[in-house]
Amino acid sequence: MTNFYALLTLSVGLFVVFVLCLIALARIGKFMKTTDDLDWEQVANLTGDIGGLKKSVQRLNNRINGMESRDPSILLEGLAQQQVLQNVAPEQTSNKIKGG
């Protein structure tokens, strides 16, 4: 009797697996049919556009949150200008004539 139930369970399991495989094959066939006449160059362009749009949105969110990272070259230029100003300031004070 237990062999009967084991065979029945095995048969039902195999039938379920068979049905699931048929469903998967039908979905794959539907996907192949819809993508058969798809222009892949256009898909690649859209993918690039979406990447650029995503980067723009991230940059905007960072600005809104106050976390925008600055361009390193701009930071270096600012440091160079500060260094020039600091070097000029002592020279101006040393050119003064002191009485004595």
C-alpha atoms as a PDB file:
ATOM      1  CA  MET A   1       0.000   0.000   0.000  1.00  0.00           C
ATOM      2  CA  THR A   2       2.840   2.390   0.807  1.00  0.00           C
ATOM      3  CA  ASN A   3       4.337   1.669  -2.606  1.00  0.00           C
ATOM      4  CA  PHE A   4       1.085   2.785  -4.195  1.00  0.00           C
ATOM      5  CA  TYR A   5       1.164   6.123  -2.365  1.00  0.00           C
ATOM      6  CA  ALA A   6       4.834   6.597  -3.202  1.00  0.00           C
ATOM      7  CA  LEU A   7       4.155   5.953  -6.901  1.00  0.00           C
ATOM      8  CA  LEU A   8       1.093   8.228  -6.818  1.00  0.00           C
ATOM      9  CA  THR A   9       3.095  11.044  -5.211  1.00  0.00           C
ATOM     10  CA  LEU A  10       5.917  10.562  -7.699  1.00  0.00           C
ATOM     11  CA  SER A  11       3.491  10.616 -10.630  1.00  0.00           C
ATOM     12  CA  VAL A  12       1.792  13.802  -9.420  1.00  0.00           C
ATOM     13  CA  GLY A  13       5.189  15.416  -8.863  1.00  0.00           C
ATOM     14  CA  LEU A  14       6.357  14.505 -12.354  1.00  0.00           C
ATOM     15  CA  PHE A  15       3.123  15.824 -13.839  1.00  0.00           C
ATOM     16  CA  VAL A  16       3.546  19.151 -12.004  1.00  0.00           C
ATOM     17  CA  VAL A  17       7.141  19.435 -13.226  1.00  0.00           C
ATOM     18  CA  PHE A  18       6.023  18.650 -16.778  1.00  0.00           C
ATOM     19  CA  VAL A  19       3.325  21.344 -16.651  1.00  0.00           C
ATOM     20  CA  LEU A  20       5.796  23.892 -15.252  1.00  0.00           C
ATOM     21  CA  CYS A  21       8.245  23.073 -18.063  1.00  0.00           C
ATOM     22  CA  LEU A  22       5.507  23.596 -20.647  1.00  0.00           C
ATOM     23  CA  ILE A  23       4.656  26.967 -19.096  1.00  0.00           C
ATOM     24  CA  ALA A  24       8.334  27.977 -19.135  1.00  0.00           C
ATOM     25  CA  LEU A  25       8.684  26.935 -22.790  1.00  0.00           C
ATOM     26  CA  ALA A  26       5.572  28.919 -23.704  1.00  0.00           C
ATOM     27  CA  ARG A  27       6.961  32.022 -21.981  1.00  0.00           C
ATOM     28  CA  ILE A  28      10.326  31.617 -23.732  1.00  0.00           C
ATOM     29  CA  GLY A  29       8.574  31.225 -27.089  1.00  0.00           C
ATOM     30  CA  LYS A  30       6.517  34.355 -26.446  1.00  0.00           C
ATOM     31  CA  PHE A  31       9.662  36.291 -25.522  1.00  0.00           C
ATOM     32  CA  MET A  32      11.488  35.095 -28.646  1.00  0.00           C
ATOM     33  CA  LYS A  33       8.516  36.070 -30.802  1.00  0.00           C
ATOM     34  CA  THR A  34       8.316  39.599 -29.361  1.00  0.00           C
ATOM     35  CA  THR A  35      12.062  40.264 -29.592  1.00  0.00           C
ATOM     36  CA  ASP A  36      12.455  38.802 -33.074  1.00  0.00           C
ATOM     37  CA  ASP A  37      12.031  42.107 -34.931  1.00  0.00           C
ATOM     38  CA  LEU A  38      13.566  44.308 -32.235  1.00  0.00           C
ATOM     39  CA  ASP A  39      16.193  46.854 -33.290  1.00  0.00           C
ATOM     40  CA  TRP A  40      19.068  46.128 -30.924  1.00  0.00           C
ATOM     41  CA  GLU A  41      20.932  49.321 -31.833  1.00  0.00           C
ATOM     42  CA  GLN A  42      17.950  51.332 -30.648  1.00  0.00           C
ATOM     43  CA  VAL A  43      17.880  49.297 -27.419  1.00  0.00           C
ATOM     44  CA  ALA A  44      21.571  50.087 -26.874  1.00  0.00           C
ATOM     45  CA  ASN A  45      20.926  53.809 -27.412  1.00  0.00           C
ATOM     46  CA  LEU A  46      18.025  53.747 -24.977  1.00  0.00           C
ATOM     47  CA  THR A  47      20.191  51.978 -22.426  1.00  0.00           C
ATOM     48  CA  GLY A  48      22.829  54.707 -22.732  1.00  0.00           C
ATOM     49  CA  ASP A  49      20.179  57.418 -22.420  1.00  0.00           C
ATOM     50  CA  ILE A  50      18.778  55.778 -19.305  1.00  0.00           C
ATOM     51  CA  GLY A  51      22.290  55.632 -17.808  1.00  0.00           C
ATOM     52  CA  GLY A  52      22.802  59.350 -18.463  1.00  0.00           C
ATOM     53  CA  LEU A  53      19.402  60.176 -17.025  1.00  0.00           C
ATOM     54  CA  LYS A  54      20.143  58.107 -13.928  1.00  0.00           C
ATOM     55  CA  LYS A  55      23.424  59.954 -13.404  1.00  0.00           C
ATOM     56  CA  SER A  56      21.660  63.324 -13.763  1.00  0.00           C
ATOM     57  CA  VAL A  57      19.021  62.343 -11.223  1.00  0.00           C
ATOM     58  CA  GLN A  58      21.690  61.155  -8.779  1.00  0.00           C
ATOM     59  CA  ARG A  59      23.591  64.431  -9.201  1.00  0.00           C
ATOM     60  CA  LEU A  60      20.400  66.404  -8.596  1.00  0.00           C
ATOM     61  CA  ASN A  61      19.598  64.369  -5.490  1.00  0.00           C
ATOM     62  CA  ASN A  62      23.111  64.951  -4.183  1.00  0.00           C
ATOM     63  CA  ARG A  63      22.729  68.688  -4.708  1.00  0.00           C
ATOM     64  CA  ILE A  64      19.412  68.655  -2.922  1.00  0.00           C
ATOM     65  CA  ASN A  65      20.922  66.743  -0.017  1.00  0.00           C
ATOM     66  CA  GLY A  66      23.965  69.015   0.071  1.00  0.00           C
ATOM     67  CA  MET A  67      26.346  66.185  -0.661  1.00  0.00           C
ATOM     68  CA  GLU A  68      27.529  67.298  -4.097  1.00  0.00           C
ATOM     69  CA  SER A  69      31.177  66.420  -4.451  1.00  0.00           C
ATOM     70  CA  ARG A  70      33.203  69.155  -6.072  1.00  0.00           C
ATOM     71  CA  ASP A  71      35.465  68.777  -9.048  1.00  0.00           C
ATOM     72  CA  PRO A  72      39.043  68.105  -7.781  1.00  0.00           C
ATOM     73  CA  SER A  73      40.581  70.475 -10.332  1.00  0.00           C
ATOM     74  CA  ILE A  74      38.417  73.329  -9.035  1.00  0.00           C
ATOM     75  CA  LEU A  75      39.491  72.542  -5.472  1.00  0.00           C
ATOM     76  CA  LEU A  76      43.151  72.571  -6.513  1.00  0.00           C
ATOM     77  CA  GLU A  77      42.728  75.930  -8.253  1.00  0.00           C
ATOM     78  CA  GLY A  78      41.103  77.346  -5.119  1.00  0.00           C
ATOM     79  CA  LEU A  79      43.982  76.088  -2.987  1.00  0.00           C
ATOM     80  CA  ALA A  80      46.516  77.580  -5.391  1.00  0.00           C
ATOM     81  CA  GLN A  81      44.757  80.957  -5.228  1.00  0.00           C
ATOM     82  CA  GLN A  82      44.706  80.839  -1.428  1.00  0.00           C
ATOM     83  CA  GLN A  83      48.403  80.012  -1.403  1.00  0.00           C
ATOM     84  CA  VAL A  84      49.161  82.948  -3.693  1.00  0.00           C
ATOM     85  CA  LEU A  85      47.152  85.285  -1.474  1.00  0.00           C
ATOM     86  CA  GLN A  86      48.916  84.030   1.651  1.00  0.00           C
ATOM     87  CA  ASN A  87      52.319  84.502   0.021  1.00  0.00           C
ATOM     88  CA  VAL A  88      51.455  88.036  -1.154  1.00  0.00           C
ATOM     89  CA  ALA A  89      50.146  89.213   2.209  1.00  0.00           C
ATOM     90  CA  PRO A  90      53.475  88.891   4.158  1.00  0.00           C
ATOM     91  CA  GLU A  91      55.384  90.680   1.389  1.00  0.00           C
ATOM     92  CA  GLN A  92      53.075  93.678   1.640  1.00  0.00           C
ATOM     93  CA  THR A  93      53.616  93.977   5.387  1.00  0.00           C
ATOM     94  CA  SER A  94      57.434  93.643   5.071  1.00  0.00           C
ATOM     95  CA  ASN A  95      57.633  96.558   2.592  1.00  0.00           C
ATOM     96  CA  LYS A  96      56.461  99.041   5.206  1.00  0.00           C
ATOM     97  CA  ILE A  97      59.029 101.457   6.501  1.00  0.00           C
ATOM     98  CA  LYS A  98      59.509 101.185  10.199  1.00  0.00           C
ATOM     99  CA  GLY A  99      60.565 104.181  12.178  1.00  0.00           C
ATOM    100  CA  GLY A 100      63.296 103.926  14.635  1.00  0.00           C
END
